[in-house]
Protein backbone atom coordinates (compact mmCIF):
# COMPACT_ATOMS: atom_id res chain seq x y z
CA MET A 1 46.48 -14.74 -50.44
CA LYS A 2 47.92 -16.79 -47.64
CA ILE A 3 45.04 -19.35 -46.98
CA LEU A 4 45.29 -22.38 -44.28
CA ILE A 5 43.19 -24.94 -45.75
CA ILE A 6 42.05 -27.35 -43.01
CA GLY A 7 41.53 -30.97 -43.90
CA GLY A 8 43.55 -30.25 -46.55
CA ASP A 9 44.56 -34.01 -46.57
CA GLY A 10 41.27 -34.70 -47.77
CA TYR A 11 39.31 -36.17 -50.85
CA LEU A 12 38.12 -31.93 -51.18
CA GLY A 13 41.16 -30.53 -49.89
CA TRP A 14 44.00 -31.84 -51.09
CA PRO A 15 42.93 -30.92 -55.06
CA GLN A 16 41.60 -27.75 -53.67
CA ALA A 17 45.25 -27.24 -51.81
CA MET A 18 46.88 -27.73 -55.75
CA TYR A 19 44.24 -25.80 -57.35
CA LEU A 20 45.16 -22.49 -55.26
CA SER A 21 48.73 -23.11 -55.07
CA LYS A 22 48.98 -23.15 -58.87
CA LYS A 23 46.90 -20.08 -59.13
CA GLY A 24 49.31 -18.23 -56.70
CA HIS A 25 48.35 -18.30 -53.17
CA THR A 26 50.77 -19.44 -50.03
CA ILE A 27 49.16 -22.39 -48.58
CA LEU A 28 49.28 -24.37 -45.72
CA ILE A 29 47.38 -27.40 -44.63
CA LEU A 30 46.45 -28.58 -41.58
CA ASP A 31 45.03 -32.08 -40.95
CA SER A 32 44.70 -34.78 -38.68
CA LEU A 33 44.81 -37.94 -40.68
CA MET A 34 41.50 -38.92 -38.97
CA ARG A 35 40.05 -40.21 -42.37
CA ARG A 36 43.65 -42.54 -43.25
CA GLU A 37 43.06 -44.16 -39.60
CA PHE A 38 39.87 -45.15 -40.26
CA ASP A 39 40.62 -46.97 -43.36
CA LEU A 40 43.77 -48.33 -41.89
CA LYS A 41 41.34 -49.74 -39.05
CA ASN A 42 38.57 -51.03 -40.57
CA ASN A 43 40.22 -52.49 -43.98
CA PHE A 44 38.52 -49.67 -45.92
CA ASN A 45 40.35 -48.07 -49.32
CA SER A 46 40.22 -45.47 -51.64
CA LEU A 47 39.57 -47.04 -55.35
CA VAL A 48 42.62 -45.25 -56.53
CA SER A 49 45.72 -45.40 -54.83
CA ILE A 50 46.55 -42.24 -52.79
CA GLU A 51 49.92 -40.95 -51.80
CA ASN A 52 50.82 -39.40 -48.11
CA VAL A 53 50.76 -35.93 -47.64
CA LYS A 54 54.76 -35.98 -47.45
CA GLU A 55 54.89 -37.62 -50.68
CA ARG A 56 51.89 -35.41 -52.54
CA THR A 57 53.70 -32.21 -50.95
CA ARG A 58 56.95 -33.36 -52.49
CA VAL A 59 55.85 -34.34 -56.03
CA TRP A 60 54.10 -31.04 -56.22
CA LYS A 61 57.00 -28.81 -55.79
CA GLU A 62 59.29 -31.36 -58.15
CA LYS A 63 56.29 -31.32 -60.88
CA THR A 64 55.44 -27.30 -60.20
CA GLY A 65 58.15 -25.48 -58.14
CA LEU A 66 55.13 -24.85 -56.00
CA GLU A 67 55.43 -25.61 -52.29
CA ILE A 68 52.70 -26.53 -49.98
CA HIS A 69 53.40 -26.68 -46.53
CA TYR A 70 51.66 -28.96 -44.18
CA ILE A 71 51.22 -29.54 -40.55
CA ILE A 72 49.75 -32.83 -38.68
CA GLY A 73 47.32 -31.84 -36.13
CA ASP A 74 43.68 -31.73 -34.95
CA THR A 75 41.59 -28.75 -34.80
CA ARG A 76 40.54 -29.77 -31.40
CA ASP A 77 44.28 -29.26 -30.17
CA TYR A 78 43.73 -25.31 -29.27
CA PRO A 79 47.15 -24.74 -28.66
CA LEU A 80 48.36 -26.20 -31.81
CA LEU A 81 45.44 -24.66 -33.83
CA SER A 82 45.88 -21.11 -32.17
CA LYS A 83 49.69 -21.38 -32.40
CA THR A 84 49.20 -22.07 -36.17
CA ILE A 85 46.92 -19.28 -37.01
CA LYS A 86 48.90 -16.84 -35.07
CA GLY A 87 52.45 -17.73 -36.88
CA PHE A 88 50.76 -17.89 -40.34
CA GLN A 89 48.38 -15.22 -40.13
CA PRO A 90 45.86 -16.30 -42.83
CA GLU A 91 43.87 -14.01 -44.88
CA ALA A 92 41.43 -17.01 -45.64
CA ILE A 93 40.68 -20.06 -43.77
CA VAL A 94 39.01 -23.24 -45.98
CA HIS A 95 37.49 -24.97 -43.16
CA PHE A 96 36.96 -28.83 -44.66
CA GLY A 97 38.44 -30.32 -41.60
CA GLU A 98 35.23 -32.40 -40.09
CA GLN A 99 33.93 -36.19 -40.27
CA ARG A 100 32.23 -35.75 -43.16
CA THR A 101 29.50 -38.58 -43.66
CA ALA A 102 25.73 -39.28 -42.46
CA PRO A 103 26.75 -43.00 -42.04
CA TYR A 104 29.76 -42.69 -40.03
CA SER A 105 27.52 -40.87 -37.67
CA MET A 106 25.26 -43.17 -37.31
CA ILE A 107 27.21 -46.19 -36.58
CA ASP A 108 26.78 -46.18 -33.10
CA ARG A 109 26.98 -43.82 -30.18
CA GLU A 110 30.69 -43.68 -30.09
CA HIS A 111 30.86 -42.52 -33.96
CA ALA A 112 27.78 -39.99 -33.20
CA VAL A 113 29.76 -38.38 -30.09
CA PHE A 114 33.07 -38.46 -32.09
CA THR A 115 31.11 -36.44 -35.38
CA MET A 116 29.71 -33.85 -32.68
CA ASP A 117 33.35 -33.69 -30.74
CA ASN A 118 35.14 -33.43 -34.00
CA ASN A 119 32.81 -31.20 -35.73
CA VAL A 120 31.43 -28.79 -33.35
CA ILE A 121 34.06 -28.38 -31.11
CA GLY A 122 36.52 -28.20 -33.65
CA THR A 123 34.70 -25.52 -35.48
CA MET A 124 34.24 -23.56 -32.33
CA ASN A 125 38.60 -23.60 -31.80
CA VAL A 126 38.60 -22.14 -35.03
CA LEU A 127 36.19 -19.48 -34.13
CA TYR A 128 38.08 -18.52 -31.14
CA ALA A 129 41.73 -18.74 -32.83
CA ILE A 130 40.51 -16.20 -35.45
CA LYS A 131 38.41 -13.77 -32.59
CA ASP A 132 41.80 -13.81 -30.77
CA PHE A 133 44.75 -13.98 -33.36
CA CYS A 134 43.44 -13.43 -36.75
CA GLN A 135 40.40 -11.05 -36.79
CA ASP A 136 40.27 -9.83 -40.56
CA CYS A 137 40.58 -13.76 -41.51
CA HIS A 138 37.61 -14.80 -44.02
CA LEU A 139 36.55 -17.88 -42.75
CA VAL A 140 35.57 -20.25 -45.71
CA LYS A 141 33.53 -23.09 -44.13
CA LEU A 142 32.04 -26.45 -45.97
CA GLY A 143 28.85 -27.12 -45.12
CA THR A 144 26.06 -29.05 -46.80
CA MET A 145 22.75 -29.07 -48.44
CA GLY A 146 21.62 -31.74 -46.09
CA GLU A 147 20.93 -29.02 -43.58
CA TYR A 148 18.01 -28.01 -45.24
CA GLY A 149 16.21 -31.55 -45.55
CA THR A 150 13.55 -31.69 -47.65
CA PRO A 151 11.16 -29.11 -47.15
CA ASN A 152 7.30 -28.58 -49.09
CA ILE A 153 8.67 -25.18 -50.12
CA ASP A 154 11.74 -23.95 -52.25
CA ILE A 155 15.10 -23.77 -50.33
CA GLU A 156 16.66 -20.25 -50.57
CA GLU A 157 20.28 -19.45 -49.62
CA GLY A 158 20.41 -19.42 -45.72
CA TYR A 159 17.60 -17.04 -45.39
CA ILE A 160 13.94 -16.68 -45.85
CA GLU A 161 11.56 -13.59 -45.76
CA ILE A 162 8.10 -14.91 -43.82
CA GLU A 163 5.13 -12.87 -42.54
CA HIS A 164 3.48 -13.73 -39.22
CA LYS A 165 0.28 -12.24 -37.92
CA GLY A 166 0.94 -9.31 -39.94
CA ARG A 167 4.98 -8.88 -39.55
CA LYS A 168 7.56 -9.86 -41.62
CA ASP A 169 11.12 -10.78 -40.92
CA LYS A 170 14.24 -12.00 -42.63
CA LEU A 171 14.90 -15.40 -40.63
CA PRO A 172 17.53 -18.28 -41.03
CA TYR A 173 16.07 -20.98 -43.35
CA PRO A 174 14.55 -23.77 -41.33
CA LYS A 175 16.55 -26.81 -40.86
CA GLN A 176 15.30 -30.36 -40.91
CA PRO A 177 18.85 -32.83 -40.75
CA SER A 178 18.26 -36.26 -41.32
CA SER A 179 21.34 -37.87 -39.43
CA PHE A 180 23.92 -36.72 -36.81
CA TYR A 181 26.18 -35.94 -39.13
CA HIS A 182 24.31 -32.77 -40.33
CA LEU A 183 22.84 -32.04 -36.99
CA SER A 184 26.59 -30.98 -36.43
CA LYS A 185 26.70 -28.89 -39.58
CA VAL A 186 23.39 -27.04 -38.61
CA HIS A 187 25.50 -26.58 -35.18
CA ASP A 188 28.18 -24.93 -36.94
CA SER A 189 26.31 -22.76 -38.79
CA HIS A 190 24.55 -21.40 -36.09
CA ASN A 191 27.72 -20.94 -34.27
CA ILE A 192 29.58 -19.31 -37.08
CA MET A 193 26.49 -16.75 -37.38
CA PHE A 194 26.93 -16.12 -33.63
CA ALA A 195 30.33 -15.35 -33.97
CA CYS A 196 30.01 -13.53 -36.58
CA LYS A 197 27.54 -11.13 -35.02
CA ILE A 198 29.37 -10.89 -31.75
CA TRP A 199 32.95 -10.68 -32.85
CA ASN A 200 32.59 -8.93 -36.02
CA ILE A 201 34.15 -12.17 -38.13
CA LYS A 202 33.28 -12.50 -41.58
CA ALA A 203 32.54 -16.11 -42.88
CA THR A 204 31.04 -17.63 -45.90
CA ASP A 205 29.20 -21.09 -45.29
CA LEU A 206 28.98 -23.36 -48.47
CA ASN A 207 26.34 -25.79 -48.30
CA GLN A 208 27.52 -27.75 -50.71
CA GLY A 209 25.57 -30.72 -52.76
CA VAL A 210 26.97 -34.25 -53.39
CA VAL A 211 30.19 -33.98 -55.12
CA TYR A 212 31.21 -36.54 -57.77
CA GLY A 213 34.57 -36.85 -59.74
CA HIS A 214 37.98 -37.26 -59.11
CA GLU A 215 39.83 -35.62 -61.34
CA THR A 216 41.09 -32.27 -61.83
CA GLU A 217 43.87 -30.60 -63.80
CA GLU A 218 45.77 -30.69 -60.72
CA THR A 219 45.32 -34.40 -60.11
CA GLU A 220 46.07 -35.01 -63.71
CA ILE A 221 49.94 -33.76 -63.85
CA ASP A 222 51.08 -36.89 -61.98
CA PRO A 223 49.15 -40.18 -60.69
CA ARG A 224 50.97 -39.57 -57.08
CA LEU A 225 48.48 -36.44 -57.15
CA ALA A 226 45.50 -38.64 -57.34
CA THR A 227 42.65 -37.51 -54.54
CA ARG A 228 40.52 -40.01 -53.18
CA PHE A 229 37.62 -42.08 -54.69
CA ASP A 230 35.40 -43.56 -52.22
CA TYR A 231 33.04 -46.27 -53.23
CA ASP A 232 31.97 -47.62 -49.59
CA GLN A 233 29.06 -47.54 -47.78
CA ILE A 234 30.34 -45.08 -45.49
CA TYR A 235 32.05 -42.51 -47.49
CA GLY A 236 31.08 -43.16 -51.25
CA THR A 237 28.78 -41.18 -52.48
CA VAL A 238 25.89 -42.41 -54.62
CA LEU A 239 27.66 -41.80 -57.85
CA ASN A 240 30.60 -43.09 -57.16
CA ARG A 241 29.24 -46.10 -55.78
CA PHE A 242 26.72 -46.92 -59.01
CA CYS A 243 29.86 -46.13 -61.04
CA VAL A 244 31.72 -49.13 -59.48
CA GLN A 245 28.88 -51.51 -59.20
CA ALA A 246 28.27 -51.14 -62.74
CA ALA A 247 32.19 -51.68 -63.76
CA ILE A 248 32.50 -54.94 -61.82
CA GLY A 249 28.79 -56.07 -62.56
CA TYR A 250 27.10 -55.64 -59.35
CA PRO A 251 23.83 -54.87 -59.47
CA LEU A 252 23.34 -51.07 -58.59
CA THR A 253 22.26 -50.72 -54.92
CA VAL A 254 19.08 -48.01 -54.54
CA TYR A 255 17.81 -47.91 -51.51
CA GLY A 256 14.18 -47.48 -50.92
CA LYS A 257 11.88 -46.56 -53.75
CA GLY A 258 15.05 -44.45 -55.14
CA GLY A 259 12.87 -41.25 -55.01
CA GLN A 260 15.07 -39.20 -52.76
CA THR A 261 16.20 -36.27 -54.79
CA ARG A 262 19.19 -34.36 -53.84
CA SER A 263 21.62 -31.96 -55.59
CA TYR A 264 25.01 -32.73 -57.00
CA ILE A 265 28.39 -30.65 -58.34
CA ASN A 266 31.55 -31.54 -60.09
CA ILE A 267 34.55 -31.54 -58.09
CA GLN A 268 36.06 -29.34 -60.51
CA ASP A 269 33.23 -26.79 -59.58
CA THR A 270 34.04 -27.36 -56.20
CA MET A 271 37.59 -26.00 -56.46
CA ARG A 272 35.96 -22.86 -58.83
CA CYS A 273 33.05 -22.13 -55.93
CA ILE A 274 35.62 -21.77 -52.97
CA GLU A 275 38.12 -19.42 -54.86
CA LEU A 276 35.13 -17.36 -55.79
CA ALA A 277 33.96 -17.20 -52.27
CA ILE A 278 37.70 -16.25 -51.20
CA GLU A 279 37.95 -13.48 -54.15
CA ASN A 280 34.50 -12.02 -53.07
CA PRO A 281 34.76 -11.96 -49.24
CA PRO A 282 31.81 -10.90 -47.33
CA HIS A 283 31.95 -7.44 -45.06
CA LYS A 284 32.76 -7.45 -41.23
CA ALA A 285 30.47 -9.11 -39.10
CA GLU A 286 28.39 -10.79 -42.26
CA PHE A 287 27.41 -14.37 -42.22
CA ARG A 288 26.58 -15.16 -45.46
CA VAL A 289 25.31 -18.68 -47.40
CA PHE A 290 25.92 -19.90 -50.47
CA ASN A 291 24.11 -23.34 -51.53
CA GLN A 292 27.02 -24.76 -53.64
CA PHE A 293 25.31 -27.30 -56.14
CA THR A 294 25.07 -27.21 -60.17
CA GLU A 295 22.19 -29.88 -60.77
CA ILE A 296 19.41 -31.58 -58.93
CA PHE A 297 19.01 -35.91 -59.44
CA SER A 298 16.83 -38.38 -57.85
CA ILE A 299 18.56 -41.87 -57.16
CA ASN A 300 16.44 -42.93 -59.54
CA GLN A 301 17.72 -40.92 -62.08
CA LEU A 302 20.97 -41.41 -61.16
CA SER A 303 20.98 -45.13 -61.59
CA GLU A 304 18.95 -44.70 -64.89
CA ILE A 305 21.77 -42.24 -66.35
CA VAL A 306 24.57 -44.75 -64.79
CA SER A 307 22.70 -47.94 -66.72
CA HIS A 308 22.67 -46.00 -70.13
CA CYS A 309 26.14 -44.94 -70.02
CA SER A 310 26.89 -48.69 -69.25
CA GLN A 311 25.40 -49.78 -72.14
CA GLU A 312 27.51 -47.78 -74.24
CA LEU A 313 30.42 -49.34 -72.74
CA ASN A 314 29.25 -53.02 -73.29
CA LEU A 315 28.52 -53.51 -69.77
CA LYS A 316 25.28 -55.26 -68.23
CA VAL A 317 23.58 -53.52 -65.66
CA GLU A 318 21.16 -54.60 -62.98
CA ILE A 319 19.30 -52.20 -60.42
CA ARG A 320 18.26 -53.66 -57.31
CA HIS A 321 16.34 -51.74 -54.60
CA LEU A 322 17.02 -52.55 -51.21
CA ASP A 323 15.11 -51.97 -47.86
CA ASN A 324 16.54 -47.91 -47.34
CA PRO A 325 18.47 -48.29 -44.21
CA ARG A 326 18.04 -44.77 -43.51
CA VAL A 327 14.82 -42.71 -42.09
CA GLU A 328 14.13 -40.17 -45.12
CA SER A 329 11.07 -39.40 -47.14
CA GLU A 330 11.44 -41.19 -50.40
CA LYS A 331 8.79 -39.16 -52.14
CA HIS A 332 9.00 -35.80 -51.77
CA TYR A 333 9.32 -31.63 -53.28
CA TYR A 334 12.76 -30.58 -53.82
CA ASN A 335 13.74 -27.35 -55.55
CA ALA A 336 16.80 -25.38 -54.14
CA VAL A 337 18.04 -21.62 -54.93
CA ASN A 338 21.60 -21.38 -56.18
CA THR A 339 22.08 -18.20 -57.83
CA ASN A 340 24.96 -16.68 -55.55
CA LEU A 341 27.68 -18.58 -56.91
CA ILE A 342 26.48 -18.03 -60.62
CA ASN A 343 26.03 -14.62 -60.20
CA LEU A 344 29.78 -14.41 -58.95
CA GLY A 345 30.79 -16.07 -62.05
CA LEU A 346 30.56 -19.91 -61.84
CA LYS A 347 30.61 -21.79 -65.40
CA PRO A 348 29.32 -25.15 -64.19
CA HIS A 349 30.44 -28.73 -65.43
CA TYR A 350 27.42 -30.55 -65.98
CA LEU A 351 26.82 -34.36 -65.66
CA ARG A 352 27.12 -36.07 -69.12
CA ASN A 353 28.24 -39.38 -69.92
CA THR A 354 31.75 -38.43 -70.77
CA VAL A 355 32.20 -37.96 -66.95
CA LEU A 356 30.51 -41.28 -66.30
CA THR A 357 33.05 -42.97 -68.47
CA SER A 358 35.87 -41.64 -66.69
CA LEU A 359 34.61 -42.73 -63.61
CA MET A 360 33.73 -46.32 -64.76
CA LYS A 361 37.00 -46.67 -66.69
CA GLU A 362 38.52 -45.86 -63.34
CA ALA A 363 36.74 -48.62 -61.53
CA LEU A 364 37.64 -51.27 -64.25
CA ARG A 365 41.41 -50.29 -64.02
CA ASN A 366 41.08 -50.90 -60.34
CA LYS A 367 39.02 -53.61 -59.90
CA SER A 368 41.61 -55.53 -57.83
CA ARG A 369 41.17 -52.94 -55.28
CA ILE A 370 37.33 -53.55 -54.95
CA ASN A 371 35.89 -54.96 -51.89
CA ASN A 372 32.56 -55.95 -52.42
CA LYS A 373 31.86 -56.22 -49.10
CA LEU A 374 32.12 -52.42 -48.64
CA ILE A 375 29.66 -51.81 -50.88
CA ASP A 376 26.16 -52.77 -49.43
CA PRO A 377 24.64 -50.71 -46.52
CA SER A 378 25.39 -52.42 -43.00
CA VAL A 379 24.72 -49.21 -41.08
CA ASN A 380 21.16 -48.60 -40.37
CA TRP A 381 19.46 -45.59 -38.97
CA ARG A 382 17.23 -47.67 -36.39
CA LYS A 383 20.03 -49.86 -35.09
CA ILE A 384 21.66 -49.07 -31.61
CA LYS A 385 24.82 -50.79 -32.61
CA ASN A 386 26.38 -51.59 -36.31
CA ILE A 387 28.85 -53.54 -37.27
CA LEU A 388 31.06 -52.31 -40.17
CA PRO A 389 32.05 -55.22 -42.45
CA GLN A 390 36.20 -55.86 -42.97
C-alpha cells in the first residue's frame, strides 16, 4: 500500500514508518519538525541521541535497501498538504502529526492556543484534503484514552448504548478530558466523525494509552535509527521518567497520592495496532473507535514495579510524593474495554522486568545526557503562566 505518515519523524511516527516500510509498503513522511524545534528552543533533549530525518532515511536505505521518502511541512499549510495528498494518492494516512502532551498545552495561553491550532486545524485540513483529492483513503488517527477521563462506569470503545426515559440509542461515549491537549483530541474525534457522515470518508480513531519503551526490531538494526526517549516533565511519560530517576538515584516523583489509574501499551504493540487497523479498514462513511492499550496501572503500582526492578539491579530507589500539579481525581474507578484490536489479532507485550531493565540500562548508559532540572514538574494546571526550566 501507499501510506502517508503525518508526524513520521516523531517518537512513534519514525518507528512506525520503518515498521511499515519493512512490511513492503511505500512510505511517505510529512513532518513539521516542531518537536525538534521545542528541544532546541528550551534546551530539552532526548535521553538517546537521535539523527535528523535526512540521515535516518539514508541509513534505513543503506541497511535495508528500502526507501522512506519525506517532506518537511505543516498540516496547517493547506496548499502543501493538499498537493502532497493529491500527488501521492495514499491508500491510508496515519496521522501522528499533533502536539502530543497535556503539560505542554497547560504552560500558558500561547501553548494552549498552539495546541488547538496545530491539532484541530491541522486535522481539519487533512479531512478536507481527503474529501477533495483522495476520497477512498482510510484515515488512521491517533487519539488518546485521555479523551474519556475517569468516569465511574466502564469505558466502552467509542460508543455506549443508553436508555433514557424509556428510549434507547447508541451514542458517542461521553468525554471528560483533563487538559487542553485532551480537549483538542476530543474536537478531532467529533470533526472526523462528522466528516465521515457527510463526505463518506472512512476513519479509525485509535484511543491510545500511555506508550512506554523505545526499542523495536527496526530501531535495533542500527543506533542511527533510534527513536526518542523522553524523560522530562513535558514529553516524558511516567514510566520513562521513573526509569531514568531510578538509574541516577533520583527519587521517583509520584504526583499527589498516586492513585491515578491509566491504560498503557508497549511501543511494539502500537506498531502492530496501526498495522491491524490498516489491514482491516472500515466501510465507507464509517467512523470506528478502537481503544489501543494492553494493561492498566496506577501511578503507585508503576512506582512499586520500578522500585522492585531497581533492587534487582542493585539500585537504591526512594519514592517521593509531590503536590499534584494537575487537576485530576487521585482516587477513582477505572475499567476500560479493549477487545476490538485483540479480536483482530493483537498479541500484547506485557510490562515485565525485562522491559524495565532495558529502559534503566539505557538510562545508565546515557547518564551524561540527563538534565535533572527537566524532571520535576514546573507546569501547574492552576497557574496562568508557567516558566520552563533551562
